[in-house]
């Protein structure tokens, strides 16, 4: 492995501003902005639009599509066996 071609891998905070949720992990992503974490150290912070705290699938607020009604409408319009 050629070290000079590999991106730097280090601690980064990902923050979901909509949910007020942040987590510290390791990544190759970088940012000029920093945030002070619970341990007193400053880490680069990356703001994301959605995370497991705000995604409808993970929060249980997902809407289900009325697939039976849509299929019935399709069959009425185009007939069965199409």
PDB file of N, CA and C in Angstrom:
ATOM      1  N   UNK A   1       0.842  -1.169   0.000  1.00  0.00           N
ATOM      2  CA  UNK A   1       0.000   0.000   0.000  1.00  0.00           C
ATOM      3  C   UNK A   1       0.894   1.240   0.000  1.00  0.00           C
ATOM      4  N   UNK A   2       0.600   2.177  -0.848  1.00  0.00           N
ATOM      5  CA  UNK A   2       1.396   3.389  -0.955  1.00  0.00           C
ATOM      6  C   UNK A   2       0.800   4.456  -0.044  1.00  0.00           C
ATOM      7  N   UNK A   3       1.495   4.799   1.002  1.00  0.00           N
ATOM      8  CA  UNK A   3       0.986   5.704   2.023  1.00  0.00           C
ATOM      9  C   UNK A   3       0.677   7.101   1.492  1.00  0.00           C
ATOM     10  N   UNK A   4       1.452   7.595   0.553  1.00  0.00           N
ATOM     11  CA  UNK A   4       1.235   8.956   0.078  1.00  0.00           C
ATOM     12  C   UNK A   4      -0.039   9.104  -0.752  1.00  0.00           C
ATOM     13  N   UNK A   5      -0.628   8.005  -1.194  1.00  0.00           N
ATOM     14  CA  UNK A   5      -1.849   8.065  -1.995  1.00  0.00           C
ATOM     15  C   UNK A   5      -3.110   7.793  -1.178  1.00  0.00           C
ATOM     16  N   UNK A   6      -2.966   7.419   0.065  1.00  0.00           N
ATOM     17  CA  UNK A   6      -4.110   7.102   0.908  1.00  0.00           C
ATOM     18  C   UNK A   6      -4.591   8.351   1.644  1.00  0.00           C
ATOM     19  N   UNK A   7      -5.920   8.569   1.720  1.00  0.00           N
ATOM     20  CA  UNK A   7      -6.422   9.721   2.477  1.00  0.00           C
ATOM     21  C   UNK A   7      -6.204   9.509   3.972  1.00  0.00           C
ATOM     22  N   UNK A   8      -6.116  10.603   4.702  1.00  0.00           N
ATOM     23  CA  UNK A   8      -5.910  10.536   6.147  1.00  0.00           C
ATOM     24  C   UNK A   8      -7.187  10.024   6.813  1.00  0.00           C
ATOM     25  N   UNK A   9      -7.033   9.079   7.719  1.00  0.00           N
ATOM     26  CA  UNK A   9      -8.151   8.436   8.407  1.00  0.00           C
ATOM     27  C   UNK A   9      -8.087   8.835   9.869  1.00  0.00           C
ATOM     28  N   UNK A  10      -9.103   9.547  10.345  1.00  0.00           N
ATOM     29  CA  UNK A  10      -9.052  10.012  11.722  1.00  0.00           C
ATOM     30  C   UNK A  10     -10.429  10.257  12.296  1.00  0.00           C
ATOM     31  N   UNK A  11     -10.501  10.696  13.546  1.00  0.00           N
ATOM     32  CA  UNK A  11     -11.790  10.924  14.206  1.00  0.00           C
ATOM     33  C   UNK A  11     -12.526  12.119  13.609  1.00  0.00           C
ATOM     34  N   UNK A  12     -13.836  11.952  13.409  1.00  0.00           N
ATOM     35  CA  UNK A  12     -14.705  12.988  12.851  1.00  0.00           C
ATOM     36  C   UNK A  12     -16.055  12.895  13.558  1.00  0.00           C
ATOM     37  N   UNK A  13     -16.699  14.023  13.795  1.00  0.00           N
ATOM     38  CA  UNK A  13     -18.042  14.049  14.368  1.00  0.00           C
ATOM     39  C   UNK A  13     -19.023  14.291  13.230  1.00  0.00           C
ATOM     40  N   UNK A  14     -20.024  13.432  13.117  1.00  0.00           N
ATOM     41  CA  UNK A  14     -21.126  13.630  12.177  1.00  0.00           C
ATOM     42  C   UNK A  14     -22.312  14.133  12.984  1.00  0.00           C
ATOM     43  N   UNK A  15     -22.914  15.250  12.532  1.00  0.00           N
ATOM     44  CA  UNK A  15     -23.987  15.894  13.294  1.00  0.00           C
ATOM     45  C   UNK A  15     -25.232  16.038  12.432  1.00  0.00           C
ATOM     46  N   UNK A  16     -26.355  15.524  12.940  1.00  0.00           N
ATOM     47  CA  UNK A  16     -27.666  15.699  12.310  1.00  0.00           C
ATOM     48  C   UNK A  16     -28.317  16.877  13.027  1.00  0.00           C
ATOM     49  N   UNK A  17     -28.297  18.032  12.396  1.00  0.00           N
ATOM     50  CA  UNK A  17     -28.801  19.243  13.050  1.00  0.00           C
ATOM     51  C   UNK A  17     -30.311  19.207  13.219  1.00  0.00           C
ATOM     52  N   UNK A  18     -31.047  18.534  12.341  1.00  0.00           N
ATOM     53  CA  UNK A  18     -32.496  18.483  12.456  1.00  0.00           C
ATOM     54  C   UNK A  18     -32.929  17.711  13.696  1.00  0.00           C
ATOM     55  N   UNK A  19     -32.195  16.656  14.032  1.00  0.00           N
ATOM     56  CA  UNK A  19     -32.555  15.828  15.181  1.00  0.00           C
ATOM     57  C   UNK A  19     -31.763  16.202  16.431  1.00  0.00           C
ATOM     58  N   UNK A  20     -30.762  17.058  16.291  1.00  0.00           N
ATOM     59  CA  UNK A  20     -29.925  17.405  17.430  1.00  0.00           C
ATOM     60  C   UNK A  20     -29.090  16.229  17.912  1.00  0.00           C
ATOM     61  N   UNK A  21     -28.622  15.421  16.977  1.00  0.00           N
ATOM     62  CA  UNK A  21     -27.899  14.193  17.288  1.00  0.00           C
ATOM     63  C   UNK A  21     -26.522  14.250  16.649  1.00  0.00           C
ATOM     64  N   UNK A  22     -25.496  13.829  17.380  1.00  0.00           N
ATOM     65  CA  UNK A  22     -24.136  13.794  16.849  1.00  0.00           C
ATOM     66  C   UNK A  22     -23.448  12.540  17.354  1.00  0.00           C
ATOM     67  N   UNK A  23     -22.533  12.014  16.537  1.00  0.00           N
ATOM     68  CA  UNK A  23     -21.755  10.855  16.968  1.00  0.00           C
ATOM     69  C   UNK A  23     -20.332  10.971  16.448  1.00  0.00           C
ATOM     70  N   UNK A  24     -19.418  10.462  17.246  1.00  0.00           N
ATOM     71  CA  UNK A  24     -18.002  10.482  16.924  1.00  0.00           C
ATOM     72  C   UNK A  24     -17.614   9.141  16.330  1.00  0.00           C
ATOM     73  N   UNK A  25     -16.949   9.193  15.191  1.00  0.00           N
ATOM     74  CA  UNK A  25     -16.489   7.978  14.528  1.00  0.00           C
ATOM     75  C   UNK A  25     -15.182   8.303  13.810  1.00  0.00           C
ATOM     76  N   UNK A  26     -14.658   7.361  13.069  1.00  0.00           N
ATOM     77  CA  UNK A  26     -13.456   7.584  12.280  1.00  0.00           C
ATOM     78  C   UNK A  26     -13.848   7.582  10.804  1.00  0.00           C
ATOM     79  N   UNK A  27     -13.228   8.473  10.033  1.00  0.00           N
ATOM     80  CA  UNK A  27     -13.574   8.601   8.630  1.00  0.00           C
ATOM     81  C   UNK A  27     -12.440   9.286   7.883  1.00  0.00           C
ATOM     82  N   UNK A  28     -12.514   9.223   6.555  1.00  0.00           N
ATOM     83  CA  UNK A  28     -11.573   9.963   5.718  1.00  0.00           C
ATOM     84  C   UNK A  28     -12.137  11.337   5.361  1.00  0.00           C
ATOM     85  N   UNK A  29     -13.395  11.601   5.708  1.00  0.00           N
ATOM     86  CA  UNK A  29     -14.009  12.902   5.441  1.00  0.00           C
ATOM     87  C   UNK A  29     -13.339  13.965   6.307  1.00  0.00           C
ATOM     88  N   UNK A  30     -13.230  15.165   5.773  1.00  0.00           N
ATOM     89  CA  UNK A  30     -12.608  16.258   6.518  1.00  0.00           C
ATOM     90  C   UNK A  30     -13.492  17.487   6.465  1.00  0.00           C
ATOM     91  N   UNK A  31     -13.228  18.416   7.369  1.00  0.00           N
ATOM     92  CA  UNK A  31     -13.982  19.656   7.420  1.00  0.00           C
ATOM     93  C   UNK A  31     -13.113  20.728   8.059  1.00  0.00           C
ATOM     94  N   UNK A  32     -13.330  21.957   7.670  1.00  0.00           N
ATOM     95  CA  UNK A  32     -12.621  23.083   8.278  1.00  0.00           C
ATOM     96  C   UNK A  32     -13.222  23.430   9.639  1.00  0.00           C
ATOM     97  N   UNK A  33     -14.527  23.172   9.800  1.00  0.00           N
ATOM     98  CA  UNK A  33     -15.202  23.484  11.064  1.00  0.00           C
ATOM     99  C   UNK A  33     -14.913  22.407  12.103  1.00  0.00           C
ATOM    100  N   UNK A  34     -14.865  22.803  13.363  1.00  0.00           N
ATOM    101  CA  UNK A  34     -14.607  21.857  14.444  1.00  0.00           C
ATOM    102  C   UNK A  34     -15.677  21.999  15.517  1.00  0.00           C
ATOM    103  N   UNK A  35     -15.762  21.001  16.377  1.00  0.00           N
ATOM    104  CA  UNK A  35     -16.689  20.999  17.501  1.00  0.00           C
ATOM    105  C   UNK A  35     -15.965  20.398  18.697  1.00  0.00           C
ATOM    106  N   UNK A  36     -16.251  20.924  19.867  1.00  0.00           N
ATOM    107  CA  UNK A  36     -15.666  20.357  21.074  1.00  0.00           C
ATOM    108  C   UNK A  36     -16.547  19.205  21.535  1.00  0.00           C
ATOM    109  N   UNK A  37     -15.945  18.042  21.687  1.00  0.00           N
ATOM    110  CA  UNK A  37     -16.666  16.829  22.066  1.00  0.00           C
ATOM    111  C   UNK A  37     -16.665  16.681  23.578  1.00  0.00           C
ATOM    112  N   UNK A  38     -17.395  15.689  24.084  1.00  0.00           N
ATOM    113  CA  UNK A  38     -17.541  15.464  25.519  1.00  0.00           C
ATOM    114  C   UNK A  38     -16.208  15.224  26.225  1.00  0.00           C
ATOM    115  N   UNK A  39     -15.238  14.694  25.511  1.00  0.00           N
ATOM    116  CA  UNK A  39     -13.938  14.406  26.125  1.00  0.00           C
ATOM    117  C   UNK A  39     -13.025  15.639  26.196  1.00  0.00           C
ATOM    118  N   UNK A  40     -13.514  16.793  25.728  1.00  0.00           N
ATOM    119  CA  UNK A  40     -12.743  18.030  25.789  1.00  0.00           C
ATOM    120  C   UNK A  40     -11.891  18.294  24.578  1.00  0.00           C
ATOM    121  N   UNK A  41     -11.805  17.366  23.649  1.00  0.00           N
ATOM    122  CA  UNK A  41     -11.018  17.537  22.427  1.00  0.00           C
ATOM    123  C   UNK A  41     -11.877  18.148  21.324  1.00  0.00           C
ATOM    124  N   UNK A  42     -11.240  18.851  20.411  1.00  0.00           N
ATOM    125  CA  UNK A  42     -11.921  19.425  19.251  1.00  0.00           C
ATOM    126  C   UNK A  42     -11.735  18.491  18.061  1.00  0.00           C
ATOM    127  N   UNK A  43     -12.835  18.199  17.371  1.00  0.00           N
ATOM    128  CA  UNK A  43     -12.809  17.303  16.209  1.00  0.00           C
ATOM    129  C   UNK A  43     -13.473  17.998  15.025  1.00  0.00           C
ATOM    130  N   UNK A  44     -13.086  17.640  13.794  1.00  0.00           N
ATOM    131  CA  UNK A  44     -13.801  18.162  12.621  1.00  0.00           C
ATOM    132  C   UNK A  44     -15.248  17.705  12.667  1.00  0.00           C
ATOM    133  N   UNK A  45     -16.163  18.569  12.250  1.00  0.00           N
ATOM    134  CA  UNK A  45     -17.588  18.227  12.269  1.00  0.00           C
ATOM    135  C   UNK A  45     -18.149  18.292  10.857  1.00  0.00           C
ATOM    136  N   UNK A  46     -18.936  17.274  10.496  1.00  0.00           N
ATOM    137  CA  UNK A  46     -19.616  17.202   9.204  1.00  0.00           C
ATOM    138  C   UNK A  46     -21.118  17.213   9.492  1.00  0.00           C
ATOM    139  N   UNK A  47     -21.842  18.189   8.946  1.00  0.00           N
ATOM    140  CA  UNK A  47     -23.287  18.255   9.129  1.00  0.00           C
ATOM    141  C   UNK A  47     -23.963  17.426   8.043  1.00  0.00           C
ATOM    142  N   UNK A  48     -24.900  16.570   8.459  1.00  0.00           N
ATOM    143  CA  UNK A  48     -25.642  15.726   7.526  1.00  0.00           C
ATOM    144  C   UNK A  48     -27.122  16.083   7.604  1.00  0.00           C
ATOM    145  N   UNK A  49     -27.844  15.838   6.523  1.00  0.00           N
ATOM    146  CA  UNK A  49     -29.259  16.175   6.482  1.00  0.00           C
ATOM    147  C   UNK A  49     -30.120  15.149   7.193  1.00  0.00           C
ATOM    148  N   UNK A  50     -29.676  13.908   7.199  1.00  0.00           N
ATOM    149  CA  UNK A  50     -30.507  12.854   7.776  1.00  0.00           C
ATOM    150  C   UNK A  50     -29.615  11.776   8.376  1.00  0.00           C
ATOM    151  N   UNK A  51     -30.052  11.216   9.481  1.00  0.00           N
ATOM    152  CA  UNK A  51     -29.312  10.136  10.138  1.00  0.00           C
ATOM    153  C   UNK A  51     -30.332   9.127  10.666  1.00  0.00           C
ATOM    154  N   UNK A  52     -29.857   8.146  11.386  1.00  0.00           N
ATOM    155  CA  UNK A  52     -30.768   7.145  11.940  1.00  0.00           C
ATOM    156  C   UNK A  52     -31.714   7.757  12.968  1.00  0.00           C
ATOM    157  N   UNK A  53     -31.376   8.910  13.524  1.00  0.00           N
ATOM    158  CA  UNK A  53     -32.239   9.569  14.500  1.00  0.00           C
ATOM    159  C   UNK A  53     -33.399  10.318  13.849  1.00  0.00           C
ATOM    160  N   UNK A  54     -33.261  10.693  12.578  1.00  0.00           N
ATOM    161  CA  UNK A  54     -34.313  11.464  11.930  1.00  0.00           C
ATOM    162  C   UNK A  54     -34.928  10.772  10.716  1.00  0.00           C
ATOM    163  N   UNK A  55     -34.380   9.641  10.284  1.00  0.00           N
ATOM    164  CA  UNK A  55     -34.911   8.948   9.113  1.00  0.00           C
ATOM    165  C   UNK A  55     -36.218   8.244   9.480  1.00  0.00           C
ATOM    166  N   UNK A  56     -37.283   8.414   8.688  1.00  0.00           N
ATOM    167  CA  UNK A  56     -38.575   7.812   9.021  1.00  0.00           C
ATOM    168  C   UNK A  56     -38.538   6.299   9.192  1.00  0.00           C
ATOM    169  N   UNK A  57     -37.693   5.600   8.469  1.00  0.00           N
ATOM    170  CA  UNK A  57     -37.629   4.145   8.598  1.00  0.00           C
ATOM    171  C   UNK A  57     -37.168   3.740   9.988  1.00  0.00           C
ATOM    172  N   UNK A  58     -36.173   4.424  10.512  1.00  0.00           N
ATOM    173  CA  UNK A  58     -35.616   4.077  11.813  1.00  0.00           C
ATOM    174  C   UNK A  58     -36.437   4.631  12.969  1.00  0.00           C
ATOM    175  N   UNK A  59     -37.160   5.736  12.758  1.00  0.00           N
ATOM    176  CA  UNK A  59     -37.940   6.329  13.842  1.00  0.00           C
ATOM    177  C   UNK A  59     -39.322   5.709  13.971  1.00  0.00           C
ATOM    178  N   UNK A  60     -39.730   4.903  12.992  1.00  0.00           N
ATOM    179  CA  UNK A  60     -41.057   4.284  13.035  1.00  0.00           C
ATOM    180  C   UNK A  60     -42.155   5.192  12.535  1.00  0.00           C
ATOM    181  N   UNK A  61     -41.817   6.293  11.916  1.00  0.00           N
ATOM    182  CA  UNK A  61     -42.803   7.240  11.406  1.00  0.00           C
ATOM    183  C   UNK A  61     -42.957   7.147   9.899  1.00  0.00           C
ATOM    184  N   UNK A  62     -42.567   6.005   9.327  1.00  0.00           N
ATOM    185  CA  UNK A  62     -42.652   5.829   7.882  1.00  0.00           C
ATOM    186  C   UNK A  62     -44.108   5.687   7.463  1.00  0.00           C
ATOM    187  N   UNK A  63     -44.444   6.299   6.344  1.00  0.00           N
ATOM    188  CA  UNK A  63     -45.788   6.171   5.799  1.00  0.00           C
ATOM    189  C   UNK A  63     -45.828   4.947   4.892  1.00  0.00           C
ATOM    190  N   UNK A  64     -46.883   4.204   4.969  1.00  0.00           N
ATOM    191  CA  UNK A  64     -47.035   3.067   4.068  1.00  0.00           C
ATOM    192  C   UNK A  64     -47.894   3.482   2.882  1.00  0.00           C
ATOM    193  N   UNK A  65     -47.562   2.984   1.733  1.00  0.00           N
ATOM    194  CA  UNK A  65     -48.287   3.304   0.514  1.00  0.00           C
ATOM    195  C   UNK A  65     -49.436   2.321   0.368  1.00  0.00           C
ATOM    196  N   UNK A  66     -50.581   2.832  -0.016  1.00  0.00           N
ATOM    197  CA  UNK A  66     -51.751   1.988  -0.213  1.00  0.00           C
ATOM    198  C   UNK A  66     -51.575   1.234  -1.523  1.00  0.00           C
ATOM    199  N   UNK A  67     -50.786   0.154  -1.484  1.00  0.00           N
ATOM    200  CA  UNK A  67     -50.462  -0.556  -2.710  1.00  0.00           C
ATOM    201  C   UNK A  67     -51.675  -1.287  -3.280  1.00  0.00           C
ATOM    202  N   UNK A  68     -52.582  -1.762  -2.435  1.00  0.00           N
ATOM    203  CA  UNK A  68     -53.763  -2.463  -2.942  1.00  0.00           C
ATOM    204  C   UNK A  68     -54.634  -1.520  -3.762  1.00  0.00           C
ATOM    205  N   UNK A  69     -54.819  -0.312  -3.297  1.00  0.00           N
ATOM    206  CA  UNK A  69     -55.613   0.665  -4.042  1.00  0.00           C
ATOM    207  C   UNK A  69     -54.967   1.034  -5.357  1.00  0.00           C
ATOM    208  N   UNK A  70     -53.679   1.116  -5.384  1.00  0.00           N
ATOM    209  CA  UNK A  70     -52.975   1.481  -6.612  1.00  0.00           C
ATOM    210  C   UNK A  70     -53.051   0.347  -7.633  1.00  0.00           C
ATOM    211  N   UNK A  71     -52.949  -0.885  -7.162  1.00  0.00           N
ATOM    212  CA  UNK A  71     -53.042  -2.035  -8.074  1.00  0.00           C
ATOM    213  C   UNK A  71     -54.448  -2.142  -8.641  1.00  0.00           C
ATOM    214  N   UNK A  72     -55.460  -1.954  -7.787  1.00  0.00           N
ATOM    215  CA  UNK A  72     -56.848  -2.018  -8.245  1.00  0.00           C
ATOM    216  C   UNK A  72     -57.116  -0.931  -9.288  1.00  0.00           C
ATOM    217  N   UNK A  73     -56.582   0.264  -9.073  1.00  0.00           N
ATOM    218  CA  UNK A  73     -56.762   1.348 -10.027  1.00  0.00           C
ATOM    219  C   UNK A  73     -56.103   1.001 -11.359  1.00  0.00           C
ATOM    220  N   UNK A  74     -54.905   0.400 -11.317  1.00  0.00           N
ATOM    221  CA  UNK A  74     -54.207  -0.004 -12.524  1.00  0.00           C
ATOM    222  C   UNK A  74     -55.013  -1.064 -13.282  1.00  0.00           C
ATOM    223  N   UNK A  75     -55.548  -2.054 -12.550  1.00  0.00           N
ATOM    224  CA  UNK A  75     -56.324  -3.118 -13.201  1.00  0.00           C
ATOM    225  C   UNK A  75     -57.617  -2.575 -13.804  1.00  0.00           C
ATOM    226  N   UNK A  76     -58.260  -1.622 -13.146  1.00  0.00           N
ATOM    227  CA  UNK A  76     -59.471  -1.024 -13.719  1.00  0.00           C
ATOM    228  C   UNK A  76     -59.135  -0.260 -14.993  1.00  0.00           C
ATOM    229  N   UNK A  77     -58.007   0.385 -14.999  1.00  0.00           N
ATOM    230  CA  UNK A  77     -57.641   1.222 -16.135  1.00  0.00           C
ATOM    231  C   UNK A  77     -57.179   0.402 -17.338  1.00  0.00           C
ATOM    232  N   UNK A  78     -56.346  -0.637 -17.067  1.00  0.00           N
ATOM    233  CA  UNK A  78     -55.740  -1.379 -18.161  1.00  0.00           C
ATOM    234  C   UNK A  78     -56.247  -2.812 -18.276  1.00  0.00           C
ATOM    235  N   UNK A  79     -57.084  -3.246 -17.366  1.00  0.00           N
ATOM    236  CA  UNK A  79     -57.597  -4.606 -17.396  1.00  0.00           C
ATOM    237  C   UNK A  79     -56.644  -5.589 -16.746  1.00  0.00           C
ATOM    238  N   UNK A  80     -57.184  -6.716 -16.347  1.00  0.00           N
ATOM    239  CA  UNK A  80     -56.356  -7.729 -15.690  1.00  0.00           C
ATOM    240  C   UNK A  80     -55.557  -8.505 -16.722  1.00  0.00           C
ATOM    241  N   UNK A  81     -54.456  -9.070 -16.308  1.00  0.00           N
ATOM    242  CA  UNK A  81     -53.638  -9.906 -17.175  1.00  0.00           C
ATOM    243  C   UNK A  81     -52.767  -9.138 -18.156  1.00  0.00           C
ATOM    244  N   UNK A  82     -52.515  -7.900 -17.875  1.00  0.00           N
ATOM    245  CA  UNK A  82     -51.669  -7.103 -18.761  1.00  0.00           C
ATOM    246  C   UNK A  82     -50.236  -7.404 -18.498  1.00  0.00           C
TER     247      UNK A  82
END
